[in-house]
Amino acid sequence: MARTNGQLYKRLRREFKDEHQPLNTPCWICGQPTIEWDTHGQDNSFELDHYHSVSEHPELETDPSNFRVSHRTCNNQRSNKAPRLGLGTLSQTYYPQQPNT
């Protein structure tokens, strides 16, 4: 899909990246903090993802509240599908009980 305002989008993307790179913000899709901020086109490269897809919500294309940090691969796999809900933060580690022998 063609961007409605390429120059504005590029500026907002750069500003978003500049804000999140020093924080090493993890990928919002997989949760891993392995973003390669200074590469382009690699699996773990930074990509700006949109929470609400631009194809379904073009009015949110340049809305920074719709921006998310993602890996290139995670963004491509998600495509324009709705985001998957995560399980959240575990309150404790689960260790299954071993059967008595």
PDB file of N, CA and C in Angstrom:
ATOM      1  N   MET A   1       0.846  -1.172   0.000  1.00  0.00           N
ATOM      2  CA  MET A   1       0.000   0.000   0.000  1.00  0.00           C
ATOM      3  C   MET A   1       0.894   1.238   0.000  1.00  0.00           C
ATOM      4  N   ALA A   2       0.598   2.167  -0.842  1.00  0.00           N
ATOM      5  CA  ALA A   2       1.374   3.401  -0.931  1.00  0.00           C
ATOM      6  C   ALA A   2       1.100   4.277   0.283  1.00  0.00           C
ATOM      7  N   ARG A   3       2.146   4.907   0.755  1.00  0.00           N
ATOM      8  CA  ARG A   3       2.016   5.821   1.885  1.00  0.00           C
ATOM      9  C   ARG A   3       1.326   7.100   1.419  1.00  0.00           C
ATOM     10  N   THR A   4       0.451   7.632   2.263  1.00  0.00           N
ATOM     11  CA  THR A   4      -0.273   8.842   1.890  1.00  0.00           C
ATOM     12  C   THR A   4       0.623  10.069   1.945  1.00  0.00           C
ATOM     13  N   ASN A   5       1.576  10.078   2.870  1.00  0.00           N
ATOM     14  CA  ASN A   5       2.472  11.210   2.992  1.00  0.00           C
ATOM     15  C   ASN A   5       3.863  10.686   3.327  1.00  0.00           C
ATOM     16  N   GLY A   6       4.624  10.334   2.298  1.00  0.00           N
ATOM     17  CA  GLY A   6       5.916   9.690   2.465  1.00  0.00           C
ATOM     18  C   GLY A   6       6.900  10.460   3.314  1.00  0.00           C
ATOM     19  N   GLN A   7       7.016  11.758   3.104  1.00  0.00           N
ATOM     20  CA  GLN A   7       7.984  12.564   3.851  1.00  0.00           C
ATOM     21  C   GLN A   7       7.615  12.628   5.333  1.00  0.00           C
ATOM     22  N   LEU A   8       6.357  12.843   5.630  1.00  0.00           N
ATOM     23  CA  LEU A   8       5.902  12.891   7.021  1.00  0.00           C
ATOM     24  C   LEU A   8       6.136  11.540   7.688  1.00  0.00           C
ATOM     25  N   TYR A   9       5.777  10.460   7.009  1.00  0.00           N
ATOM     26  CA  TYR A   9       5.954   9.121   7.567  1.00  0.00           C
ATOM     27  C   TYR A   9       7.426   8.837   7.847  1.00  0.00           C
ATOM     28  N   LYS A  10       8.301   9.184   6.925  1.00  0.00           N
ATOM     29  CA  LYS A  10       9.738   8.954   7.125  1.00  0.00           C
ATOM     30  C   LYS A  10      10.260   9.720   8.336  1.00  0.00           C
ATOM     31  N   ARG A  11       9.828  10.951   8.494  1.00  0.00           N
ATOM     32  CA  ARG A  11      10.261  11.758   9.640  1.00  0.00           C
ATOM     33  C   ARG A  11       9.760  11.147  10.945  1.00  0.00           C
ATOM     34  N   LEU A  12       8.477  10.772  10.975  1.00  0.00           N
ATOM     35  CA  LEU A  12       7.905  10.182  12.182  1.00  0.00           C
ATOM     36  C   LEU A  12       8.563   8.843  12.513  1.00  0.00           C
ATOM     37  N   ARG A  13       8.883   8.054  11.496  1.00  0.00           N
ATOM     38  CA  ARG A  13       9.567   6.777  11.703  1.00  0.00           C
ATOM     39  C   ARG A  13      10.936   7.007  12.314  1.00  0.00           C
ATOM     40  N   ARG A  14      11.673   7.959  11.776  1.00  0.00           N
ATOM     41  CA  ARG A  14      13.018   8.277  12.278  1.00  0.00           C
ATOM     42  C   ARG A  14      12.935   8.740  13.738  1.00  0.00           C
ATOM     43  N   GLU A  15      11.986   9.620  14.041  1.00  0.00           N
ATOM     44  CA  GLU A  15      11.822  10.106  15.410  1.00  0.00           C
ATOM     45  C   GLU A  15      11.453   8.966  16.364  1.00  0.00           C
ATOM     46  N   PHE A  16      10.567   8.072  15.916  1.00  0.00           N
ATOM     47  CA  PHE A  16      10.156   6.936  16.725  1.00  0.00           C
ATOM     48  C   PHE A  16      11.348   6.026  17.006  1.00  0.00           C
ATOM     49  N   LYS A  17      12.125   5.738  15.974  1.00  0.00           N
ATOM     50  CA  LYS A  17      13.315   4.903  16.135  1.00  0.00           C
ATOM     51  C   LYS A  17      14.311   5.563  17.080  1.00  0.00           C
ATOM     52  N   ASP A  18      14.559   6.862  16.899  1.00  0.00           N
ATOM     53  CA  ASP A  18      15.503   7.593  17.751  1.00  0.00           C
ATOM     54  C   ASP A  18      15.060   7.590  19.217  1.00  0.00           C
ATOM     55  N   GLU A  19      13.768   7.545  19.445  1.00  0.00           N
ATOM     56  CA  GLU A  19      13.240   7.505  20.815  1.00  0.00           C
ATOM     57  C   GLU A  19      13.421   6.129  21.440  1.00  0.00           C
ATOM     58  N   HIS A  20      13.231   5.065  20.660  1.00  0.00           N
ATOM     59  CA  HIS A  20      13.214   3.708  21.209  1.00  0.00           C
ATOM     60  C   HIS A  20      14.554   2.988  21.173  1.00  0.00           C
ATOM     61  N   GLN A  21      15.446   3.385  20.290  1.00  0.00           N
ATOM     62  CA  GLN A  21      16.739   2.712  20.209  1.00  0.00           C
ATOM     63  C   GLN A  21      17.530   2.804  21.514  1.00  0.00           C
ATOM     64  N   PRO A  22      17.664   3.990  22.142  1.00  0.00           N
ATOM     65  CA  PRO A  22      18.419   4.050  23.400  1.00  0.00           C
ATOM     66  C   PRO A  22      17.791   3.224  24.524  1.00  0.00           C
ATOM     67  N   LEU A  23      16.500   2.989  24.444  1.00  0.00           N
ATOM     68  CA  LEU A  23      15.789   2.206  25.451  1.00  0.00           C
ATOM     69  C   LEU A  23      15.872   0.711  25.166  1.00  0.00           C
ATOM     70  N   ASN A  24      16.360   0.360  23.965  1.00  0.00           N
ATOM     71  CA  ASN A  24      16.384  -1.025  23.495  1.00  0.00           C
ATOM     72  C   ASN A  24      15.011  -1.671  23.681  1.00  0.00           C
ATOM     73  N   THR A  25      13.993  -0.960  23.233  1.00  0.00           N
ATOM     74  CA  THR A  25      12.613  -1.432  23.347  1.00  0.00           C
ATOM     75  C   THR A  25      12.478  -2.779  22.637  1.00  0.00           C
ATOM     76  N   PRO A  26      11.895  -3.781  23.295  1.00  0.00           N
ATOM     77  CA  PRO A  26      11.736  -5.089  22.648  1.00  0.00           C
ATOM     78  C   PRO A  26      10.643  -5.075  21.586  1.00  0.00           C
ATOM     79  N   CYS A  27      10.674  -6.067  20.752  1.00  0.00           N
ATOM     80  CA  CYS A  27       9.644  -6.265  19.728  1.00  0.00           C
ATOM     81  C   CYS A  27       8.302  -6.465  20.436  1.00  0.00           C
ATOM     82  N   TRP A  28       7.317  -5.705  20.035  1.00  0.00           N
ATOM     83  CA  TRP A  28       6.011  -5.792  20.701  1.00  0.00           C
ATOM     84  C   TRP A  28       5.281  -7.075  20.343  1.00  0.00           C
ATOM     85  N   ILE A  29       5.715  -7.766  19.295  1.00  0.00           N
ATOM     86  CA  ILE A  29       5.030  -8.983  18.866  1.00  0.00           C
ATOM     87  C   ILE A  29       5.567 -10.210  19.597  1.00  0.00           C
ATOM     88  N   CYS A  30       6.920 -10.366  19.608  1.00  0.00           N
ATOM     89  CA  CYS A  30       7.512 -11.552  20.239  1.00  0.00           C
ATOM     90  C   CYS A  30       8.090 -11.270  21.613  1.00  0.00           C
ATOM     91  N   GLY A  31       8.286  -9.993  21.953  1.00  0.00           N
ATOM     92  CA  GLY A  31       8.792  -9.633  23.269  1.00  0.00           C
ATOM     93  C   GLY A  31      10.300  -9.703  23.429  1.00  0.00           C
ATOM     94  N   GLN A  32      11.022 -10.077  22.374  1.00  0.00           N
ATOM     95  CA  GLN A  32      12.474 -10.218  22.470  1.00  0.00           C
ATOM     96  C   GLN A  32      13.184  -8.886  22.236  1.00  0.00           C
ATOM     97  N   PRO A  33      14.169  -8.549  23.083  1.00  0.00           N
ATOM     98  CA  PRO A  33      14.915  -7.289  22.923  1.00  0.00           C
ATOM     99  C   PRO A  33      16.117  -7.454  21.996  1.00  0.00           C
ATOM    100  N   THR A  34      15.918  -8.096  20.872  1.00  0.00           N
ATOM    101  CA  THR A  34      17.029  -8.393  19.957  1.00  0.00           C
ATOM    102  C   THR A  34      16.926  -7.589  18.672  1.00  0.00           C
ATOM    103  N   ILE A  35      16.388  -6.393  18.752  1.00  0.00           N
ATOM    104  CA  ILE A  35      16.242  -5.541  17.580  1.00  0.00           C
ATOM    105  C   ILE A  35      17.625  -5.120  17.097  1.00  0.00           C
ATOM    106  N   GLU A  36      17.881  -5.278  15.814  1.00  0.00           N
ATOM    107  CA  GLU A  36      19.110  -4.776  15.199  1.00  0.00           C
ATOM    108  C   GLU A  36      18.787  -3.395  14.641  1.00  0.00           C
ATOM    109  N   TRP A  37      19.112  -2.386  15.412  1.00  0.00           N
ATOM    110  CA  TRP A  37      18.702  -1.017  15.123  1.00  0.00           C
ATOM    111  C   TRP A  37      19.421  -0.419  13.922  1.00  0.00           C
ATOM    112  N   ASP A  38      20.638  -0.863  13.650  1.00  0.00           N
ATOM    113  CA  ASP A  38      21.441  -0.224  12.605  1.00  0.00           C
ATOM    114  C   ASP A  38      21.565  -1.050  11.334  1.00  0.00           C
ATOM    115  N   THR A  39      20.747  -2.067  11.188  1.00  0.00           N
ATOM    116  CA  THR A  39      20.740  -2.846   9.951  1.00  0.00           C
ATOM    117  C   THR A  39      19.422  -2.609   9.235  1.00  0.00           C
ATOM    118  N   HIS A  40      19.374  -3.022   7.996  1.00  0.00           N
ATOM    119  CA  HIS A  40      18.151  -2.865   7.210  1.00  0.00           C
ATOM    120  C   HIS A  40      17.958  -4.119   6.371  1.00  0.00           C
ATOM    121  N   GLY A  41      16.758  -4.655   6.377  1.00  0.00           N
ATOM    122  CA  GLY A  41      16.440  -5.804   5.543  1.00  0.00           C
ATOM    123  C   GLY A  41      16.813  -7.148   6.133  1.00  0.00           C
ATOM    124  N   GLN A  42      17.348  -7.178   7.352  1.00  0.00           N
ATOM    125  CA  GLN A  42      17.678  -8.432   8.020  1.00  0.00           C
ATOM    126  C   GLN A  42      16.493  -8.882   8.872  1.00  0.00           C
ATOM    127  N   ASP A  43      16.472 -10.161   9.247  1.00  0.00           N
ATOM    128  CA  ASP A  43      15.343 -10.695  10.012  1.00  0.00           C
ATOM    129  C   ASP A  43      15.069  -9.920  11.297  1.00  0.00           C
ATOM    130  N   ASN A  44      16.119  -9.555  12.023  1.00  0.00           N
ATOM    131  CA  ASN A  44      15.946  -8.865  13.303  1.00  0.00           C
ATOM    132  C   ASN A  44      16.042  -7.349  13.196  1.00  0.00           C
ATOM    133  N   SER A  45      16.045  -6.833  11.984  1.00  0.00           N
ATOM    134  CA  SER A  45      16.122  -5.379  11.792  1.00  0.00           C
ATOM    135  C   SER A  45      14.887  -4.699  12.356  1.00  0.00           C
ATOM    136  N   PHE A  46      15.089  -3.447  12.812  1.00  0.00           N
ATOM    137  CA  PHE A  46      13.977  -2.638  13.293  1.00  0.00           C
ATOM    138  C   PHE A  46      12.990  -2.364  12.168  1.00  0.00           C
ATOM    139  N   GLU A  47      11.726  -2.525  12.487  1.00  0.00           N
ATOM    140  CA  GLU A  47      10.653  -2.052  11.618  1.00  0.00           C
ATOM    141  C   GLU A  47       9.593  -1.395  12.472  1.00  0.00           C
ATOM    142  N   LEU A  48       9.069  -0.327  11.968  1.00  0.00           N
ATOM    143  CA  LEU A  48       7.946   0.326  12.615  1.00  0.00           C
ATOM    144  C   LEU A  48       6.698  -0.439  12.201  1.00  0.00           C
ATOM    145  N   ASP A  49       6.004  -0.970  13.176  1.00  0.00           N
ATOM    146  CA  ASP A  49       4.753  -1.682  12.913  1.00  0.00           C
ATOM    147  C   ASP A  49       3.607  -0.796  13.381  1.00  0.00           C
ATOM    148  N   HIS A  50       2.457  -1.049  12.849  1.00  0.00           N
ATOM    149  CA  HIS A  50       1.244  -0.329  13.245  1.00  0.00           C
ATOM    150  C   HIS A  50       0.340  -1.297  13.990  1.00  0.00           C
ATOM    151  N   TYR A  51      -0.081  -0.919  15.190  1.00  0.00           N
ATOM    152  CA  TYR A  51      -0.993  -1.756  15.966  1.00  0.00           C
ATOM    153  C   TYR A  51      -2.252  -2.041  15.154  1.00  0.00           C
ATOM    154  N   HIS A  52      -2.858  -0.987  14.636  1.00  0.00           N
ATOM    155  CA  HIS A  52      -3.996  -1.130  13.725  1.00  0.00           C
ATOM    156  C   HIS A  52      -3.436  -1.007  12.317  1.00  0.00           C
ATOM    157  N   SER A  53      -3.630  -2.027  11.506  1.00  0.00           N
ATOM    158  CA  SER A  53      -3.014  -2.050  10.180  1.00  0.00           C
ATOM    159  C   SER A  53      -3.437  -0.849   9.333  1.00  0.00           C
ATOM    160  N   VAL A  54      -2.482  -0.378   8.556  1.00  0.00           N
ATOM    161  CA  VAL A  54      -2.732   0.765   7.680  1.00  0.00           C
ATOM    162  C   VAL A  54      -3.735   0.398   6.600  1.00  0.00           C
ATOM    163  N   SER A  55      -3.749  -0.862   6.176  1.00  0.00           N
ATOM    164  CA  SER A  55      -4.693  -1.266   5.130  1.00  0.00           C
ATOM    165  C   SER A  55      -6.140  -1.160   5.608  1.00  0.00           C
ATOM    166  N   GLU A  56      -6.360  -1.376   6.903  1.00  0.00           N
ATOM    167  CA  GLU A  56      -7.722  -1.290   7.442  1.00  0.00           C
ATOM    168  C   GLU A  56      -8.013   0.046   8.120  1.00  0.00           C
ATOM    169  N   HIS A  57      -6.947   0.753   8.519  1.00  0.00           N
ATOM    170  CA  HIS A  57      -7.111   2.039   9.212  1.00  0.00           C
ATOM    171  C   HIS A  57      -6.119   3.051   8.660  1.00  0.00           C
ATOM    172  N   PRO A  58      -6.290   3.459   7.400  1.00  0.00           N
ATOM    173  CA  PRO A  58      -5.327   4.391   6.796  1.00  0.00           C
ATOM    174  C   PRO A  58      -5.232   5.721   7.522  1.00  0.00           C
ATOM    175  N   GLU A  59      -6.262   6.091   8.240  1.00  0.00           N
ATOM    176  CA  GLU A  59      -6.246   7.346   8.983  1.00  0.00           C
ATOM    177  C   GLU A  59      -5.247   7.313  10.150  1.00  0.00           C
ATOM    178  N   LEU A  60      -4.792   6.114  10.549  1.00  0.00           N
ATOM    179  CA  LEU A  60      -3.851   5.970  11.661  1.00  0.00           C
ATOM    180  C   LEU A  60      -2.404   5.772  11.201  1.00  0.00           C
ATOM    181  N   GLU A  61      -2.174   5.903   9.905  1.00  0.00           N
ATOM    182  CA  GLU A  61      -0.839   5.659   9.350  1.00  0.00           C
ATOM    183  C   GLU A  61       0.234   6.520   9.991  1.00  0.00           C
ATOM    184  N   THR A  62      -0.050   7.785  10.249  1.00  0.00           N
ATOM    185  CA  THR A  62       0.949   8.696  10.807  1.00  0.00           C
ATOM    186  C   THR A  62       0.627   9.088  12.247  1.00  0.00           C
ATOM    187  N   ASP A  63      -0.176   8.285  12.916  1.00  0.00           N
ATOM    188  CA  ASP A  63      -0.518   8.541  14.319  1.00  0.00           C
ATOM    189  C   ASP A  63       0.497   7.808  15.194  1.00  0.00           C
ATOM    190  N   PRO A  64       1.398   8.528  15.882  1.00  0.00           N
ATOM    191  CA  PRO A  64       2.424   7.876  16.695  1.00  0.00           C
ATOM    192  C   PRO A  64       1.872   6.940  17.769  1.00  0.00           C
ATOM    193  N   SER A  65       0.646   7.141  18.220  1.00  0.00           N
ATOM    194  CA  SER A  65       0.088   6.229  19.219  1.00  0.00           C
ATOM    195  C   SER A  65      -0.216   4.855  18.622  1.00  0.00           C
ATOM    196  N   ASN A  66      -0.181   4.749  17.308  1.00  0.00           N
ATOM    197  CA  ASN A  66      -0.410   3.485  16.616  1.00  0.00           C
ATOM    198  C   ASN A  66       0.907   2.777  16.275  1.00  0.00           C
ATOM    199  N   PHE A  67       2.041   3.402  16.547  1.00  0.00           N
ATOM    200  CA  PHE A  67       3.353   2.853  16.204  1.00  0.00           C
ATOM    201  C   PHE A  67       3.809   1.846  17.250  1.00  0.00           C
ATOM    202  N   ARG A  68       4.490   0.800  16.777  1.00  0.00           N
ATOM    203  CA  ARG A  68       5.082  -0.204  17.657  1.00  0.00           C
ATOM    204  C   ARG A  68       6.440  -0.607  17.090  1.00  0.00           C
ATOM    205  N   VAL A  69       7.357  -0.971  17.985  1.00  0.00           N
ATOM    206  CA  VAL A  69       8.670  -1.501  17.604  1.00  0.00           C
ATOM    207  C   VAL A  69       8.503  -2.975  17.275  1.00  0.00           C
ATOM    208  N   SER A  70       9.082  -3.396  16.148  1.00  0.00           N
ATOM    209  CA  SER A  70       9.017  -4.815  15.804  1.00  0.00           C
ATOM    210  C   SER A  70      10.261  -5.241  15.040  1.00  0.00           C
ATOM    211  N   HIS A  71      10.465  -6.562  15.026  1.00  0.00           N
ATOM    212  CA  HIS A  71      11.454  -7.150  14.138  1.00  0.00           C
ATOM    213  C   HIS A  71      10.854  -7.186  12.735  1.00  0.00           C
ATOM    214  N   ARG A  72      11.678  -7.128  11.737  1.00  0.00           N
ATOM    215  CA  ARG A  72      11.215  -7.221  10.353  1.00  0.00           C
ATOM    216  C   ARG A  72      10.423  -8.516  10.143  1.00  0.00           C
ATOM    217  N   THR A  73      10.973  -9.640  10.630  1.00  0.00           N
ATOM    218  CA  THR A  73      10.316 -10.937  10.440  1.00  0.00           C
ATOM    219  C   THR A  73       8.969 -10.994  11.153  1.00  0.00           C
ATOM    220  N   CYS A  74       8.916 -10.514  12.386  1.00  0.00           N
ATOM    221  CA  CYS A  74       7.654 -10.541  13.137  1.00  0.00           C
ATOM    222  C   CYS A  74       6.596  -9.701  12.433  1.00  0.00           C
ATOM    223  N   ASN A  75       7.006  -8.534  11.959  1.00  0.00           N
ATOM    224  CA  ASN A  75       6.084  -7.646  11.259  1.00  0.00           C
ATOM    225  C   ASN A  75       5.572  -8.307   9.979  1.00  0.00           C
ATOM    226  N   ASN A  76       6.473  -8.921   9.228  1.00  0.00           N
ATOM    227  CA  ASN A  76       6.065  -9.570   7.979  1.00  0.00           C
ATOM    228  C   ASN A  76       5.145 -10.758   8.236  1.00  0.00           C
ATOM    229  N   GLN A  77       5.426 -11.537   9.275  1.00  0.00           N
ATOM    230  CA  GLN A  77       4.586 -12.698   9.582  1.00  0.00           C
ATOM    231  C   GLN A  77       3.196 -12.272  10.044  1.00  0.00           C
ATOM    232  N   ARG A  78       3.144 -11.195  10.793  1.00  0.00           N
ATOM    233  CA  ARG A  78       1.847 -10.688  11.265  1.00  0.00           C
ATOM    234  C   ARG A  78       1.039 -10.120  10.114  1.00  0.00           C
ATOM    235  N   SER A  79       1.719  -9.462   9.183  1.00  0.00           N
ATOM    236  CA  SER A  79       1.080  -8.832   8.033  1.00  0.00           C
ATOM    237  C   SER A  79       0.031  -7.827   8.529  1.00  0.00           C
ATOM    238  N   ASN A  80      -1.182  -7.919   8.016  1.00  0.00           N
ATOM    239  CA  ASN A  80      -2.222  -6.983   8.464  1.00  0.00           C
ATOM    240  C   ASN A  80      -3.257  -7.679   9.343  1.00  0.00           C
ATOM    241  N   LYS A  81      -2.865  -8.836   9.901  1.00  0.00           N
ATOM    242  CA  LYS A  81      -3.759  -9.559  10.809  1.00  0.00           C
ATOM    243  C   LYS A  81      -3.811  -8.848  12.163  1.00  0.00           C
ATOM    244  N   ALA A  82      -4.862  -9.111  12.890  1.00  0.00           N
ATOM    245  CA  ALA A  82      -4.997  -8.536  14.237  1.00  0.00           C
ATOM    246  C   ALA A  82      -3.870  -9.052  15.116  1.00  0.00           C
ATOM    247  N   PRO A  83      -3.401  -8.231  16.043  1.00  0.00           N
ATOM    248  CA  PRO A  83      -2.336  -8.684  16.937  1.00  0.00           C
ATOM    249  C   PRO A  83      -2.813  -9.823  17.825  1.00  0.00           C
ATOM    250  N   ARG A  84      -1.896 -10.757  18.074  1.00  0.00           N
ATOM    251  CA  ARG A  84      -2.209 -11.855  18.987  1.00  0.00           C
ATOM    252  C   ARG A  84      -2.031 -11.362  20.409  1.00  0.00           C
ATOM    253  N   LEU A  85      -2.923 -11.762  21.264  1.00  0.00           N
ATOM    254  CA  LEU A  85      -2.804 -11.393  22.664  1.00  0.00           C
ATOM    255  C   LEU A  85      -1.811 -12.327  23.337  1.00  0.00           C
ATOM    256  N   GLY A  86      -0.907 -11.760  24.099  1.00  0.00           N
ATOM    257  CA  GLY A  86       0.070 -12.563  24.826  1.00  0.00           C
ATOM    258  C   GLY A  86      -0.528 -13.097  26.107  1.00  0.00           C
ATOM    259  N   LEU A  87       0.248 -13.920  26.766  1.00  0.00           N
ATOM    260  CA  LEU A  87      -0.207 -14.485  28.027  1.00  0.00           C
ATOM    261  C   LEU A  87       0.013 -13.530  29.185  1.00  0.00           C
ATOM    262  N   GLY A  88       0.799 -12.495  28.978  1.00  0.00           N
ATOM    263  CA  GLY A  88       1.084 -11.566  30.064  1.00  0.00           C
ATOM    264  C   GLY A  88       2.324 -11.988  30.819  1.00  0.00           C
ATOM    265  N   THR A  89       2.530 -11.388  31.969  1.00  0.00           N
ATOM    266  CA  THR A  89       3.692 -11.685  32.789  1.00  0.00           C
ATOM    267  C   THR A  89       3.348 -12.782  33.770  1.00  0.00           C
ATOM    268  N   LEU A  90       4.219 -13.791  33.824  1.00  0.00           N
ATOM    269  CA  LEU A  90       3.995 -14.884  34.758  1.00  0.00           C
ATOM    270  C   LEU A  90       4.238 -14.411  36.177  1.00  0.00           C
ATOM    271  N   SER A  91       3.391 -14.839  37.097  1.00  0.00           N
ATOM    272  CA  SER A  91       3.567 -14.476  38.498  1.00  0.00           C
ATOM    273  C   SER A  91       4.612 -15.356  39.163  1.00  0.00           C
ATOM    274  N   GLN A  92       4.801 -16.551  38.643  1.00  0.00           N
ATOM    275  CA  GLN A  92       5.825 -17.458  39.155  1.00  0.00           C
ATOM    276  C   GLN A  92       6.121 -18.508  38.095  1.00  0.00           C
ATOM    277  N   THR A  93       7.241 -19.174  38.258  1.00  0.00           N
ATOM    278  CA  THR A  93       7.613 -20.245  37.336  1.00  0.00           C
ATOM    279  C   THR A  93       6.871 -21.506  37.742  1.00  0.00           C
ATOM    280  N   TYR A  94       6.312 -22.179  36.781  1.00  0.00           N
ATOM    281  CA  TYR A  94       5.562 -23.405  37.040  1.00  0.00           C
ATOM    282  C   TYR A  94       6.481 -24.608  36.916  1.00  0.00           C
ATOM    283  N   TYR A  95       6.516 -25.431  37.940  1.00  0.00           N
ATOM    284  CA  TYR A  95       7.268 -26.681  37.922  1.00  0.00           C
ATOM    285  C   TYR A  95       6.270 -27.799  38.159  1.00  0.00           C
ATOM    286  N   PRO A  96       6.040 -28.636  37.148  1.00  0.00           N
ATOM    287  CA  PRO A  96       5.072 -29.725  37.356  1.00  0.00           C
ATOM    288  C   PRO A  96       5.579 -30.686  38.418  1.00  0.00           C
ATOM    289  N   GLN A  97       4.650 -31.233  39.179  1.00  0.00           N
ATOM    290  CA  GLN A  97       5.024 -32.195  40.212  1.00  0.00           C
ATOM    291  C   GLN A  97       5.436 -33.491  39.548  1.00  0.00           C
ATOM    292  N   GLN A  98       6.459 -34.087  40.111  1.00  0.00           N
ATOM    293  CA  GLN A  98       6.917 -35.376  39.619  1.00  0.00           C
ATOM    294  C   GLN A  98       6.062 -36.468  40.270  1.00  0.00           C
ATOM    295  N   PRO A  99       5.704 -37.495  39.499  1.00  0.00           N
ATOM    296  CA  PRO A  99       4.897 -38.580  40.088  1.00  0.00           C
ATOM    297  C   PRO A  99       5.695 -39.307  41.162  1.00  0.00           C
ATOM    298  N   ASN A 100       5.001 -39.742  42.210  1.00  0.00           N
ATOM    299  CA  ASN A 100       5.644 -40.511  43.276  1.00  0.00           C
ATOM    300  C   ASN A 100       5.940 -41.911  42.757  1.00  0.00           C
ATOM    301  N   THR A 101       7.149 -42.351  43.002  1.00  0.00           N
ATOM    302  CA  THR A 101       7.508 -43.718  42.546  1.00  0.00           C
ATOM    303  C   THR A 101       7.839 -44.595  43.707  1.00  0.00           C
TER     304      THR A 101
END
